[in-house]
PDB file of N, CA and C in Angstrom:
ATOM      1  N   MET A   1      90.764  23.300 -12.879  1.00  0.00           N
ATOM      2  CA  MET A   1      91.239  24.489 -12.199  1.00  0.00           C
ATOM      3  C   MET A   1      90.069  25.122 -11.459  1.00  0.00           C
ATOM      4  N   LEU A   2      90.309  25.515 -10.211  1.00  0.00           N
ATOM      5  CA  LEU A   2      89.318  26.199  -9.390  1.00  0.00           C
ATOM      6  C   LEU A   2      89.766  27.638  -9.188  1.00  0.00           C
ATOM      7  N   TYR A   3      88.855  28.571  -9.311  1.00  0.00           N
ATOM      8  CA  TYR A   3      89.162  29.976  -9.070  1.00  0.00           C
ATOM      9  C   TYR A   3      88.491  30.374  -7.764  1.00  0.00           C
ATOM     10  N   LEU A   4      89.293  30.770  -6.808  1.00  0.00           N
ATOM     11  CA  LEU A   4      88.847  31.012  -5.441  1.00  0.00           C
ATOM     12  C   LEU A   4      88.304  32.419  -5.260  1.00  0.00           C
ATOM     13  N   CYS A   5      87.371  32.551  -4.342  1.00  0.00           N
ATOM     14  CA  CYS A   5      86.816  33.865  -4.007  1.00  0.00           C
ATOM     15  C   CYS A   5      87.721  34.606  -3.036  1.00  0.00           C
ATOM     16  N   HIS A   6      88.384  33.869  -2.180  1.00  0.00           N
ATOM     17  CA  HIS A   6      89.248  34.476  -1.174  1.00  0.00           C
ATOM     18  C   HIS A   6      90.257  33.444  -0.724  1.00  0.00           C
ATOM     19  N   ASP A   7      91.306  33.904  -0.106  1.00  0.00           N
ATOM     20  CA  ASP A   7      92.360  33.020   0.355  1.00  0.00           C
ATOM     21  C   ASP A   7      92.894  33.558   1.670  1.00  0.00           C
ATOM     22  N   TYR A   8      93.230  32.671   2.558  1.00  0.00           N
ATOM     23  CA  TYR A   8      93.803  33.030   3.844  1.00  0.00           C
ATOM     24  C   TYR A   8      95.171  32.360   3.940  1.00  0.00           C
ATOM     25  N   PRO A   9      96.175  32.966   3.309  1.00  0.00           N
ATOM     26  CA  PRO A   9      97.483  32.312   3.264  1.00  0.00           C
ATOM     27  C   PRO A   9      98.171  32.287   4.629  1.00  0.00           C
ATOM     28  N   ASP A  10      99.067  31.316   4.790  1.00  0.00           N
ATOM     29  CA  ASP A  10      99.906  31.291   5.975  1.00  0.00           C
ATOM     30  C   ASP A  10     100.802  32.527   5.959  1.00  0.00           C
ATOM     31  N   GLU A  11     101.254  32.942   7.122  1.00  0.00           N
ATOM     32  CA  GLU A  11     102.115  34.119   7.222  1.00  0.00           C
ATOM     33  C   GLU A  11     103.323  33.959   6.302  1.00  0.00           C
ATOM     34  N   GLY A  12     103.613  34.999   5.543  1.00  0.00           N
ATOM     35  CA  GLY A  12     104.745  34.988   4.630  1.00  0.00           C
ATOM     36  C   GLY A  12     104.428  34.452   3.248  1.00  0.00           C
ATOM     37  N   GLN A  13     103.219  33.921   3.043  1.00  0.00           N
ATOM     38  CA  GLN A  13     102.828  33.428   1.728  1.00  0.00           C
ATOM     39  C   GLN A  13     101.897  34.418   1.056  1.00  0.00           C
ATOM     40  N   ALA A  14     101.982  34.503  -0.248  1.00  0.00           N
ATOM     41  CA  ALA A  14     101.117  35.396  -1.015  1.00  0.00           C
ATOM     42  C   ALA A  14      99.740  34.746  -1.197  1.00  0.00           C
ATOM     43  N   PRO A  15      98.668  35.535  -1.208  1.00  0.00           N
ATOM     44  CA  PRO A  15      97.346  34.980  -1.487  1.00  0.00           C
ATOM     45  C   PRO A  15      97.315  34.367  -2.890  1.00  0.00           C
ATOM     46  N   ARG A  16      96.484  33.349  -3.057  1.00  0.00           N
ATOM     47  CA  ARG A  16      96.322  32.702  -4.362  1.00  0.00           C
ATOM     48  C   ARG A  16      94.885  32.876  -4.821  1.00  0.00           C
ATOM     49  N   HIS A  17      94.701  32.985  -6.117  1.00  0.00           N
ATOM     50  CA  HIS A  17      93.351  33.109  -6.657  1.00  0.00           C
ATOM     51  C   HIS A  17      92.897  31.847  -7.383  1.00  0.00           C
ATOM     52  N   ASP A  18      93.791  30.860  -7.491  1.00  0.00           N
ATOM     53  CA  ASP A  18      93.407  29.627  -8.162  1.00  0.00           C
ATOM     54  C   ASP A  18      94.043  28.428  -7.481  1.00  0.00           C
ATOM     55  N   SER A  19      93.504  27.272  -7.777  1.00  0.00           N
ATOM     56  CA  SER A  19      93.988  26.026  -7.198  1.00  0.00           C
ATOM     57  C   SER A  19      93.540  24.899  -8.109  1.00  0.00           C
ATOM     58  N   THR A  20      94.000  23.708  -7.826  1.00  0.00           N
ATOM     59  CA  THR A  20      93.517  22.537  -8.559  1.00  0.00           C
ATOM     60  C   THR A  20      92.698  21.676  -7.617  1.00  0.00           C
ATOM     61  N   VAL A  21      91.890  20.817  -8.185  1.00  0.00           N
ATOM     62  CA  VAL A  21      91.113  19.887  -7.374  1.00  0.00           C
ATOM     63  C   VAL A  21      92.065  19.033  -6.543  1.00  0.00           C
ATOM     64  N   GLY A  22      93.167  18.583  -7.154  1.00  0.00           N
ATOM     65  CA  GLY A  22      94.139  17.770  -6.433  1.00  0.00           C
ATOM     66  C   GLY A  22      94.736  18.493  -5.242  1.00  0.00           C
ATOM     67  N   GLN A  23      95.072  19.772  -5.413  1.00  0.00           N
ATOM     68  CA  GLN A  23      95.611  20.551  -4.291  1.00  0.00           C
ATOM     69  C   GLN A  23      94.599  20.656  -3.164  1.00  0.00           C
ATOM     70  N   GLN A  24      93.342  20.848  -3.501  1.00  0.00           N
ATOM     71  CA  GLN A  24      92.298  20.958  -2.481  1.00  0.00           C
ATOM     72  C   GLN A  24      92.056  19.611  -1.790  1.00  0.00           C
ATOM     73  N   ARG A  25      92.105  18.532  -2.563  1.00  0.00           N
ATOM     74  CA  ARG A  25      91.866  17.204  -1.976  1.00  0.00           C
ATOM     75  C   ARG A  25      92.955  16.808  -0.992  1.00  0.00           C
ATOM     76  N   THR A  26      94.158  17.350  -1.168  1.00  0.00           N
ATOM     77  CA  THR A  26      95.246  16.992  -0.258  1.00  0.00           C
ATOM     78  C   THR A  26      95.499  18.036   0.814  1.00  0.00           C
ATOM     79  N   GLY A  27      95.217  19.307   0.544  1.00  0.00           N
ATOM     80  CA  GLY A  27      95.641  20.345   1.464  1.00  0.00           C
ATOM     81  C   GLY A  27      94.577  21.212   2.093  1.00  0.00           C
ATOM     82  N   ASN A  28      93.333  21.112   1.651  1.00  0.00           N
ATOM     83  CA  ASN A  28      92.285  21.967   2.203  1.00  0.00           C
ATOM     84  C   ASN A  28      91.959  21.507   3.622  1.00  0.00           C
ATOM     85  N   ILE A  29      92.067  22.408   4.592  1.00  0.00           N
ATOM     86  CA  ILE A  29      91.865  22.011   5.990  1.00  0.00           C
ATOM     87  C   ILE A  29      90.410  21.661   6.291  1.00  0.00           C
ATOM     88  N   HIS A  30      89.493  22.073   5.443  1.00  0.00           N
ATOM     89  CA  HIS A  30      88.080  21.819   5.707  1.00  0.00           C
ATOM     90  C   HIS A  30      87.549  20.583   4.987  1.00  0.00           C
ATOM     91  N   VAL A  31      87.899  20.395   3.741  1.00  0.00           N
ATOM     92  CA  VAL A  31      87.239  19.359   2.932  1.00  0.00           C
ATOM     93  C   VAL A  31      88.217  18.445   2.194  1.00  0.00           C
ATOM     94  N   ARG A  32      89.392  18.253   2.704  1.00  0.00           N
ATOM     95  CA  ARG A  32      90.361  17.359   2.042  1.00  0.00           C
ATOM     96  C   ARG A  32      89.875  15.912   2.142  1.00  0.00           C
ATOM     97  N   ASP A  33      90.490  15.053   1.341  1.00  0.00           N
ATOM     98  CA  ASP A  33      90.171  13.629   1.405  1.00  0.00           C
ATOM     99  C   ASP A  33      90.326  13.128   2.835  1.00  0.00           C
ATOM    100  N   GLY A  34      89.393  12.321   3.280  1.00  0.00           N
ATOM    101  CA  GLY A  34      89.469  11.732   4.605  1.00  0.00           C
ATOM    102  C   GLY A  34      88.685  12.481   5.669  1.00  0.00           C
ATOM    103  N   VAL A  35      88.177  13.677   5.367  1.00  0.00           N
ATOM    104  CA  VAL A  35      87.377  14.433   6.329  1.00  0.00           C
ATOM    105  C   VAL A  35      85.913  14.069   6.099  1.00  0.00           C
ATOM    106  N   SER A  36      85.296  13.496   7.115  1.00  0.00           N
ATOM    107  CA  SER A  36      83.889  13.107   6.991  1.00  0.00           C
ATOM    108  C   SER A  36      82.985  14.326   7.124  1.00  0.00           C
ATOM    109  N   GLU A  37      81.743  14.161   6.725  1.00  0.00           N
ATOM    110  CA  GLU A  37      80.771  15.246   6.886  1.00  0.00           C
ATOM    111  C   GLU A  37      80.631  15.609   8.356  1.00  0.00           C
ATOM    112  N   GLU A  38      80.573  14.608   9.227  1.00  0.00           N
ATOM    113  CA  GLU A  38      80.445  14.867  10.661  1.00  0.00           C
ATOM    114  C   GLU A  38      81.653  15.648  11.189  1.00  0.00           C
ATOM    115  N   GLU A  39      82.856  15.268  10.773  1.00  0.00           N
ATOM    116  CA  GLU A  39      84.061  15.981  11.205  1.00  0.00           C
ATOM    117  C   GLU A  39      84.041  17.424  10.709  1.00  0.00           C
ATOM    118  N   PHE A  40      83.622  17.609   9.464  1.00  0.00           N
ATOM    119  CA  PHE A  40      83.545  18.956   8.899  1.00  0.00           C
ATOM    120  C   PHE A  40      82.561  19.812   9.683  1.00  0.00           C
ATOM    121  N   VAL A  41      81.367  19.297   9.924  1.00  0.00           N
ATOM    122  CA  VAL A  41      80.334  20.054  10.655  1.00  0.00           C
ATOM    123  C   VAL A  41      80.824  20.392  12.055  1.00  0.00           C
ATOM    124  N   ASN A  42      81.418  19.433  12.744  1.00  0.00           N
ATOM    125  CA  ASN A  42      81.925  19.699  14.093  1.00  0.00           C
ATOM    126  C   ASN A  42      83.025  20.750  14.084  1.00  0.00           C
ATOM    127  N   MET A  43      83.954  20.641  13.148  1.00  0.00           N
ATOM    128  CA  MET A  43      85.061  21.603  13.070  1.00  0.00           C
ATOM    129  C   MET A  43      84.533  23.011  12.787  1.00  0.00           C
ATOM    130  N   ARG A  44      83.614  23.132  11.826  1.00  0.00           N
ATOM    131  CA  ARG A  44      83.081  24.459  11.480  1.00  0.00           C
ATOM    132  C   ARG A  44      82.253  25.022  12.623  1.00  0.00           C
ATOM    133  N   THR A  45      81.472  24.186  13.288  1.00  0.00           N
ATOM    134  CA  THR A  45      80.643  24.658  14.399  1.00  0.00           C
ATOM    135  C   THR A  45      81.516  25.216  15.508  1.00  0.00           C
ATOM    136  N   GLU A  46      82.554  24.481  15.878  1.00  0.00           N
ATOM    137  CA  GLU A  46      83.465  24.941  16.938  1.00  0.00           C
ATOM    138  C   GLU A  46      84.192  26.213  16.521  1.00  0.00           C
ATOM    139  N   ARG A  47      84.717  26.231  15.312  1.00  0.00           N
ATOM    140  CA  ARG A  47      85.466  27.412  14.855  1.00  0.00           C
ATOM    141  C   ARG A  47      84.560  28.636  14.734  1.00  0.00           C
ATOM    142  N   ASP A  48      83.375  28.444  14.169  1.00  0.00           N
ATOM    143  CA  ASP A  48      82.475  29.575  13.951  1.00  0.00           C
ATOM    144  C   ASP A  48      82.034  30.220  15.257  1.00  0.00           C
ATOM    145  N   ARG A  49      81.999  29.449  16.344  1.00  0.00           N
ATOM    146  CA  ARG A  49      81.645  30.018  17.651  1.00  0.00           C
ATOM    147  C   ARG A  49      82.662  31.061  18.116  1.00  0.00           C
ATOM    148  N   THR A  50      83.878  31.005  17.602  1.00  0.00           N
ATOM    149  CA  THR A  50      84.941  31.913  18.042  1.00  0.00           C
ATOM    150  C   THR A  50      85.052  33.155  17.166  1.00  0.00           C
ATOM    151  N   LEU A  51      84.299  33.206  16.086  1.00  0.00           N
ATOM    152  CA  LEU A  51      84.450  34.292  15.116  1.00  0.00           C
ATOM    153  C   LEU A  51      83.382  35.368  15.298  1.00  0.00           C
ATOM    154  N   ASP A  52      83.796  36.623  15.121  1.00  0.00           N
ATOM    155  CA  ASP A  52      82.834  37.714  15.059  1.00  0.00           C
ATOM    156  C   ASP A  52      82.181  37.713  13.685  1.00  0.00           C
ATOM    157  N   MET A  53      81.071  38.418  13.579  1.00  0.00           N
ATOM    158  CA  MET A  53      80.459  38.573  12.271  1.00  0.00           C
ATOM    159  C   MET A  53      81.433  39.324  11.361  1.00  0.00           C
ATOM    160  N   PRO A  54      81.603  38.890  10.125  1.00  0.00           N
ATOM    161  CA  PRO A  54      82.494  39.610   9.214  1.00  0.00           C
ATOM    162  C   PRO A  54      82.059  41.065   9.053  1.00  0.00           C
ATOM    163  N   ALA A  55      83.021  41.958   8.981  1.00  0.00           N
ATOM    164  CA  ALA A  55      82.741  43.399   8.945  1.00  0.00           C
ATOM    165  C   ALA A  55      81.896  43.802   7.736  1.00  0.00           C
ATOM    166  N   LEU A  56      82.053  43.132   6.613  1.00  0.00           N
ATOM    167  CA  LEU A  56      81.334  43.525   5.397  1.00  0.00           C
ATOM    168  C   LEU A  56      80.265  42.517   4.985  1.00  0.00           C
ATOM    169  N   ILE A  57      79.755  41.732   5.941  1.00  0.00           N
ATOM    170  CA  ILE A  57      78.813  40.663   5.596  1.00  0.00           C
ATOM    171  C   ILE A  57      77.536  41.202   4.963  1.00  0.00           C
ATOM    172  N   LEU A  58      76.969  42.275   5.490  1.00  0.00           N
ATOM    173  CA  LEU A  58      75.702  42.779   4.948  1.00  0.00           C
ATOM    174  C   LEU A  58      75.872  43.292   3.522  1.00  0.00           C
ATOM    175  N   GLN A  59      76.959  43.992   3.275  1.00  0.00           N
ATOM    176  CA  GLN A  59      77.224  44.468   1.923  1.00  0.00           C
ATOM    177  C   GLN A  59      77.472  43.295   0.973  1.00  0.00           C
ATOM    178  N   SER A  60      78.260  42.338   1.440  1.00  0.00           N
ATOM    179  CA  SER A  60      78.606  41.190   0.600  1.00  0.00           C
ATOM    180  C   SER A  60      77.383  40.367   0.239  1.00  0.00           C
ATOM    181  N   VAL A  61      76.517  40.117   1.203  1.00  0.00           N
ATOM    182  CA  VAL A  61      75.329  39.314   0.937  1.00  0.00           C
ATOM    183  C   VAL A  61      74.448  40.003  -0.101  1.00  0.00           C
ATOM    184  N   GLN A  62      74.302  41.314   0.004  1.00  0.00           N
ATOM    185  CA  GLN A  62      73.462  42.025  -0.958  1.00  0.00           C
ATOM    186  C   GLN A  62      73.998  41.905  -2.377  1.00  0.00           C
ATOM    187  N   ILE A  63      75.292  42.005  -2.539  1.00  0.00           N
ATOM    188  CA  ILE A  63      75.884  41.882  -3.877  1.00  0.00           C
ATOM    189  C   ILE A  63      75.859  40.428  -4.332  1.00  0.00           C
ATOM    190  N   ASN A  64      76.146  39.473  -3.436  1.00  0.00           N
ATOM    191  CA  ASN A  64      76.136  38.062  -3.816  1.00  0.00           C
ATOM    192  C   ASN A  64      74.751  37.603  -4.251  1.00  0.00           C
ATOM    193  N   ILE A  65      73.707  38.048  -3.552  1.00  0.00           N
ATOM    194  CA  ILE A  65      72.335  37.679  -3.915  1.00  0.00           C
ATOM    195  C   ILE A  65      72.020  38.137  -5.329  1.00  0.00           C
ATOM    196  N   ARG A  66      72.608  39.237  -5.725  1.00  0.00           N
ATOM    197  CA  ARG A  66      72.378  39.795  -7.056  1.00  0.00           C
ATOM    198  C   ARG A  66      73.412  39.312  -8.068  1.00  0.00           C
ATOM    199  N   ALA A  67      74.131  38.243  -7.732  1.00  0.00           N
ATOM    200  CA  ALA A  67      75.131  37.643  -8.632  1.00  0.00           C
ATOM    201  C   ALA A  67      76.196  38.660  -9.050  1.00  0.00           C
ATOM    202  N   GLY A  68      76.614  39.500  -8.094  1.00  0.00           N
ATOM    203  CA  GLY A  68      77.684  40.449  -8.356  1.00  0.00           C
ATOM    204  C   GLY A  68      77.239  41.777  -8.942  1.00  0.00           C
ATOM    205  N   ARG A  69      75.958  41.915  -9.204  1.00  0.00           N
ATOM    206  CA  ARG A  69      75.462  43.177  -9.777  1.00  0.00           C
ATOM    207  C   ARG A  69      75.040  44.125  -8.663  1.00  0.00           C
ATOM    208  N   PHE A  70      75.287  45.412  -8.878  1.00  0.00           N
ATOM    209  CA  PHE A  70      74.822  46.425  -7.932  1.00  0.00           C
ATOM    210  C   PHE A  70      73.308  46.584  -8.060  1.00  0.00           C
ATOM    211  N   PRO A  71      72.638  47.069  -7.001  1.00  0.00           N
ATOM    212  CA  PRO A  71      71.211  47.390  -7.122  1.00  0.00           C
ATOM    213  C   PRO A  71      71.028  48.488  -8.173  1.00  0.00           C
ATOM    214  N   PRO A  72      69.822  48.621  -8.673  1.00  0.00           N
ATOM    215  CA  PRO A  72      69.583  49.679  -9.664  1.00  0.00           C
ATOM    216  C   PRO A  72      69.929  51.055  -9.092  1.00  0.00           C
ATOM    217  N   ALA A  73      70.387  51.929  -9.953  1.00  0.00           N
ATOM    218  CA  ALA A  73      70.676  53.302  -9.529  1.00  0.00           C
ATOM    219  C   ALA A  73      69.377  54.011  -9.157  1.00  0.00           C
ATOM    220  N   GLU A  74      69.485  54.887  -8.169  1.00  0.00           N
ATOM    221  CA  GLU A  74      68.313  55.686  -7.799  1.00  0.00           C
ATOM    222  C   GLU A  74      68.252  56.915  -8.709  1.00  0.00           C
ATOM    223  N   GLU A  75      67.300  57.796  -8.463  1.00  0.00           N
ATOM    224  CA  GLU A  75      67.070  58.945  -9.350  1.00  0.00           C
ATOM    225  C   GLU A  75      68.313  59.796  -9.557  1.00  0.00           C
ATOM    226  N   ASN A  76      69.199  59.829  -8.553  1.00  0.00           N
ATOM    227  CA  ASN A  76      70.405  60.653  -8.677  1.00  0.00           C
ATOM    228  C   ASN A  76      71.542  59.915  -9.394  1.00  0.00           C
ATOM    229  N   GLY A  77      71.273  58.707  -9.885  1.00  0.00           N
ATOM    230  CA  GLY A  77      72.276  57.946 -10.612  1.00  0.00           C
ATOM    231  C   GLY A  77      73.228  57.140  -9.743  1.00  0.00           C
ATOM    232  N   VAL A  78      73.039  57.170  -8.433  1.00  0.00           N
ATOM    233  CA  VAL A  78      73.929  56.469  -7.500  1.00  0.00           C
ATOM    234  C   VAL A  78      73.309  55.135  -7.099  1.00  0.00           C
ATOM    235  N   HIS A  79      74.132  54.089  -7.029  1.00  0.00           N
ATOM    236  CA  HIS A  79      73.719  52.766  -6.557  1.00  0.00           C
ATOM    237  C   HIS A  79      73.946  52.724  -5.046  1.00  0.00           C
ATOM    238  N   TYR A  80      72.924  52.350  -4.289  1.00  0.00           N
ATOM    239  CA  TYR A  80      73.034  52.293  -2.834  1.00  0.00           C
ATOM    240  C   TYR A  80      72.797  50.873  -2.331  1.00  0.00           C
ATOM    241  N   LEU A  81      73.532  50.502  -1.305  1.00  0.00           N
ATOM    242  CA  LEU A  81      73.223  49.295  -0.556  1.00  0.00           C
ATOM    243  C   LEU A  81      72.424  49.720   0.659  1.00  0.00           C
ATOM    244  N   LYS A  82      71.415  48.985   1.001  1.00  0.00           N
ATOM    245  CA  LYS A  82      70.567  49.310   2.139  1.00  0.00           C
ATOM    246  C   LYS A  82      71.009  48.432   3.315  1.00  0.00           C
ATOM    247  N   ILE A  83      71.399  49.046   4.406  1.00  0.00           N
ATOM    248  CA  ILE A  83      71.916  48.344   5.574  1.00  0.00           C
ATOM    249  C   ILE A  83      70.906  48.489   6.726  1.00  0.00           C
ATOM    250  N   PRO A  84      70.402  47.363   7.254  1.00  0.00           N
ATOM    251  CA  PRO A  84      69.486  47.470   8.391  1.00  0.00           C
ATOM    252  C   PRO A  84      70.254  47.927   9.629  1.00  0.00           C
ATOM    253  N   LEU A  85      69.629  48.769  10.411  1.00  0.00           N
ATOM    254  CA  LEU A  85      70.257  49.275  11.633  1.00  0.00           C
ATOM    255  C   LEU A  85      69.678  48.538  12.833  1.00  0.00           C
ATOM    256  N   ASN A  86      70.549  48.220  13.777  1.00  0.00           N
ATOM    257  CA  ASN A  86      70.140  47.574  15.033  1.00  0.00           C
ATOM    258  C   ASN A  86      69.380  46.277  14.829  1.00  0.00           C
ATOM    259  N   GLN A  87      69.753  45.501  13.819  1.00  0.00           N
ATOM    260  CA  GLN A  87      69.071  44.241  13.553  1.00  0.00           C
ATOM    261  C   GLN A  87      69.935  43.029  13.837  1.00  0.00           C
ATOM    262  N   LEU A  88      71.224  43.204  13.956  1.00  0.00           N
ATOM    263  CA  LEU A  88      72.096  42.043  14.161  1.00  0.00           C
ATOM    264  C   LEU A  88      72.853  42.171  15.454  1.00  0.00           C
TER     265      LEU A  88
END
């Protein structure tokens, strides 16, 4: 059993939080059986050129780097994420 971080369901379908290896091997549009590394890289490169930066990427990366933990609280007891301005 695989537990997914996110799901992009087809219209009218509910998001799923889990899947099986077999389901992914037959139905995953990116890495199903029969997709070569070259095909995967080409598909992702072309698709990624059309996408904007995700709205919450900076926040997400900071939490992911810390394995889901918030940064330490500051003196006022609040946990802050630090966002660079005018860098991206």
